[in-house]
Protein backbone atom coordinates (compact mmCIF):
# COMPACT_ATOMS: atom_id res chain seq x y z
CA MET A 1 75.88 107.15 105.07
CA ALA A 2 77.45 103.91 106.26
CA GLY A 3 77.17 102.68 109.82
CA THR A 4 79.94 101.31 111.94
CA ILE A 5 81.00 97.86 113.02
CA THR A 6 82.64 97.11 116.37
CA LEU A 7 85.26 94.39 116.27
CA THR A 8 87.18 92.71 119.09
CA ALA A 9 90.20 90.44 119.23
CA GLN A 10 92.17 88.54 121.80
CA THR A 11 95.57 90.02 122.56
CA VAL A 12 98.36 87.61 121.71
CA PRO A 13 102.14 87.53 122.00
CA LEU A 14 104.13 87.93 118.80
CA GLU A 15 104.58 84.55 117.16
CA ARG A 16 107.34 85.67 114.79
CA GLU A 17 109.99 88.30 114.45
CA PRO A 18 108.53 91.66 113.47
CA GLY A 19 108.72 92.35 109.76
CA VAL A 20 108.76 96.11 110.25
CA THR A 21 110.55 98.32 112.73
CA THR A 22 108.20 100.15 115.07
CA ARG A 23 108.57 102.26 118.15
CA PRO A 24 106.22 103.66 120.78
CA VAL A 25 104.82 107.11 120.09
CA GLU A 26 106.56 110.05 121.71
CA GLU A 27 105.20 113.44 122.70
CA GLY A 28 107.48 115.06 120.14
CA ASP A 29 105.61 113.11 117.44
CA ILE A 30 102.41 115.15 117.89
CA PRO A 31 102.98 117.65 115.01
CA VAL A 32 104.15 114.92 112.61
CA LEU A 33 101.28 112.63 113.62
CA GLY A 34 98.86 115.50 113.01
CA GLN A 35 100.25 115.93 109.49
CA LEU A 36 100.18 112.17 108.93
CA PHE A 37 96.64 111.85 110.28
CA PHE A 38 95.47 114.67 108.03
CA SER A 39 97.18 113.33 104.89
CA SER A 40 95.88 109.82 105.54
CA TYR A 41 92.26 111.02 105.48
CA ALA A 42 92.50 114.20 103.38
CA ASP A 43 90.26 112.73 100.66
CA SER A 44 87.55 111.49 103.00
CA ARG A 45 87.27 114.01 105.86
CA PRO A 46 86.38 117.68 105.59
CA TRP A 47 88.99 119.05 108.00
CA THR A 48 92.26 120.89 108.24
CA GLU A 49 95.72 119.80 109.30
CA ASP A 50 95.33 121.95 112.43
CA GLU A 51 92.14 120.07 113.33
CA ALA A 52 93.88 116.73 112.80
CA THR A 53 96.77 117.84 115.02
CA ALA A 54 94.31 119.03 117.67
CA ASP A 55 92.72 115.57 117.66
CA VAL A 56 96.14 113.96 118.18
CA ARG A 57 96.81 116.35 121.08
CA LYS A 58 93.50 115.27 122.64
CA VAL A 59 94.62 111.63 122.47
CA TYR A 60 97.85 112.49 124.31
CA ALA A 61 95.82 114.47 126.87
CA ASP A 62 93.67 111.41 127.68
CA GLU A 63 90.50 113.05 126.33
CA PHE A 64 89.39 109.79 124.67
CA GLY A 65 90.43 107.53 127.54
CA ARG A 66 93.81 106.85 129.14
CA PHE A 67 96.37 106.93 126.33
CA LEU A 68 98.30 103.66 126.22
CA ARG A 69 101.65 104.92 124.99
CA ASP A 70 103.42 101.55 125.08
CA ALA A 71 100.76 99.96 122.86
CA SER A 72 100.51 103.01 120.57
CA LEU A 73 103.13 102.59 117.90
CA VAL A 74 104.55 104.22 114.81
CA VAL A 75 106.48 102.95 111.82
CA PRO A 76 109.33 105.42 111.31
CA ASP A 77 110.96 106.17 107.97
CA GLY A 78 114.74 106.28 107.57
CA ASP A 79 114.82 109.70 109.25
CA GLY A 80 112.71 108.56 112.21
CA ARG A 81 109.54 110.38 111.06
CA PRO A 82 106.33 108.36 111.46
CA VAL A 83 104.78 107.15 108.20
CA ALA A 84 102.13 104.97 109.87
CA ALA A 85 100.63 105.02 113.37
CA LEU A 86 98.27 103.16 115.67
CA LEU A 87 96.80 104.94 118.71
CA VAL A 88 95.26 102.98 121.61
CA VAL A 89 93.37 104.12 124.70
CA ASP A 90 91.87 102.40 127.72
CA GLY A 91 88.52 103.50 129.06
CA PHE A 92 87.09 104.94 125.84
CA PRO A 93 84.06 106.96 127.02
CA ASP A 94 81.30 105.09 125.17
CA ALA A 95 79.07 102.77 127.16
CA ALA A 96 77.99 101.09 123.91
CA LEU A 97 81.46 99.56 123.50
CA PRO A 98 83.18 96.74 125.36
CA ASP A 99 85.25 97.84 128.36
CA VAL A 100 88.63 96.90 126.89
CA PRO A 101 91.46 98.89 125.29
CA PHE A 102 90.28 100.62 122.14
CA VAL A 103 92.16 101.28 118.90
CA LEU A 104 91.23 104.89 118.23
CA GLU A 105 93.08 105.28 114.96
CA LEU A 106 95.25 103.36 112.54
CA PHE A 107 96.56 105.45 109.68
CA THR A 108 99.27 105.30 107.02
CA HIS A 109 100.57 108.02 104.73
CA PRO A 110 99.23 107.42 101.20
CA ASP A 111 102.77 107.05 99.82
CA HIS A 112 103.47 104.19 102.25
CA ARG A 113 100.35 102.05 101.88
CA ARG A 114 100.33 98.40 100.79
CA LYS A 115 103.63 97.69 102.57
CA GLY A 116 102.20 95.74 105.52
CA TYR A 117 102.66 98.55 108.02
CA ALA A 118 99.08 98.50 109.31
CA GLU A 119 99.13 94.75 109.88
CA GLU A 120 102.47 94.95 111.66
CA LEU A 121 101.31 97.81 113.87
CA VAL A 122 98.24 95.84 114.93
CA ARG A 123 100.22 92.64 115.58
CA GLN A 124 102.83 94.44 117.67
CA SER A 125 100.22 96.45 119.57
CA LEU A 126 98.28 93.27 120.40
CA ALA A 127 101.51 91.80 121.79
CA LYS A 128 102.21 94.92 123.87
CA LEU A 129 98.69 94.81 125.26
CA ALA A 130 99.07 91.10 126.11
CA GLU A 131 102.36 91.86 127.91
CA ALA A 132 100.54 94.54 129.93
CA GLY A 133 97.90 92.02 131.03
CA TYR A 134 95.05 93.00 128.73
CA GLU A 135 93.11 90.12 127.21
CA GLN A 136 91.12 91.88 124.49
CA VAL A 137 91.08 94.96 122.31
CA ALA A 138 88.24 96.61 120.39
CA LEU A 139 87.87 99.02 117.51
CA ARG A 140 85.19 100.51 115.35
CA ILE A 141 85.29 100.83 111.57
CA SER A 142 82.93 102.04 108.90
CA GLU A 143 80.94 99.12 107.55
CA ASP A 144 81.85 100.14 103.99
CA ASN A 145 85.62 100.14 104.63
CA ALA A 146 86.38 96.84 102.90
CA ALA A 147 90.17 97.19 103.17
CA ALA A 148 90.07 97.74 106.95
CA LEU A 149 87.57 94.93 107.44
CA ALA A 150 89.75 92.54 105.44
CA LEU A 151 92.81 93.50 107.50
CA TYR A 152 91.09 93.00 110.84
CA LEU A 153 89.43 89.72 109.84
CA THR A 154 92.85 88.43 108.75
CA LEU A 155 94.08 89.27 112.27
CA ASP A 156 91.24 87.27 113.91
CA PHE A 157 89.07 90.21 114.89
CA GLN A 158 85.41 89.31 115.15
CA ARG A 159 82.22 91.30 115.14
CA TRP A 160 81.35 92.20 118.71
CA ASP A 161 77.97 91.05 119.96
CA PRO A 162 77.06 92.97 123.13
CA ALA A 163 74.29 90.50 123.95
CA ALA A 164 76.84 87.67 124.09
CA ASP A 165 79.34 89.65 126.19
CA GLY A 166 78.76 88.66 129.80
CA ASP A 167 81.10 91.34 131.16
CA ILE A 168 78.97 94.30 130.10
CA ASP A 169 76.96 96.10 132.78
CA TYR A 170 73.68 97.61 131.66
C-alpha cells in the first residue's frame, strides 16, 4: 500500500484568461457531485454512489473543515452539470498538516479527462484563495499517483516539510 505525500503551493492571481469555464459549487450540485465523485474513483475505491454522495454532503456540512465555497469550483458541461470538481476546506482537522486551506478532492469524470480541467480548476481556485487573503494551500496525494504528482509539480506545488515550516505549533 502506497503512502501519501503532502504538497503545498503559494496562492497566486490568475496570470491569463481562463481556458475553461468554471463556477463555484452550489448546494444543488450535491447529488451530481456524488455521482461524479463515485464515477471518478469507481475503479479504485470499494464504495457505492450513495457513500460518495454522503461524503460530498459531509464536505458541505463542514465536517472536514469550513467549506470554502468560493474556492471550490466545478467545470460544467453544456447543460450546466459538473464534469470536474475541486473541493477546498479551511481548518482540515489533522494536526499533521499545515494550517492552511486544504484541497480535499479534485476529480474529473472519466469521459472528460485529459482536457485540462483539473489544471484549470487548481489555477482558478488558487486565484480565488489569493483574492480571499490566503497565502498558501495544501493537499495530500498518494505517492504512487504519478499523474496527480505531475499536475501539481507543474503548478509549482512542493513537498511539504513540517520541520522547515516555522508556523506549525507542536
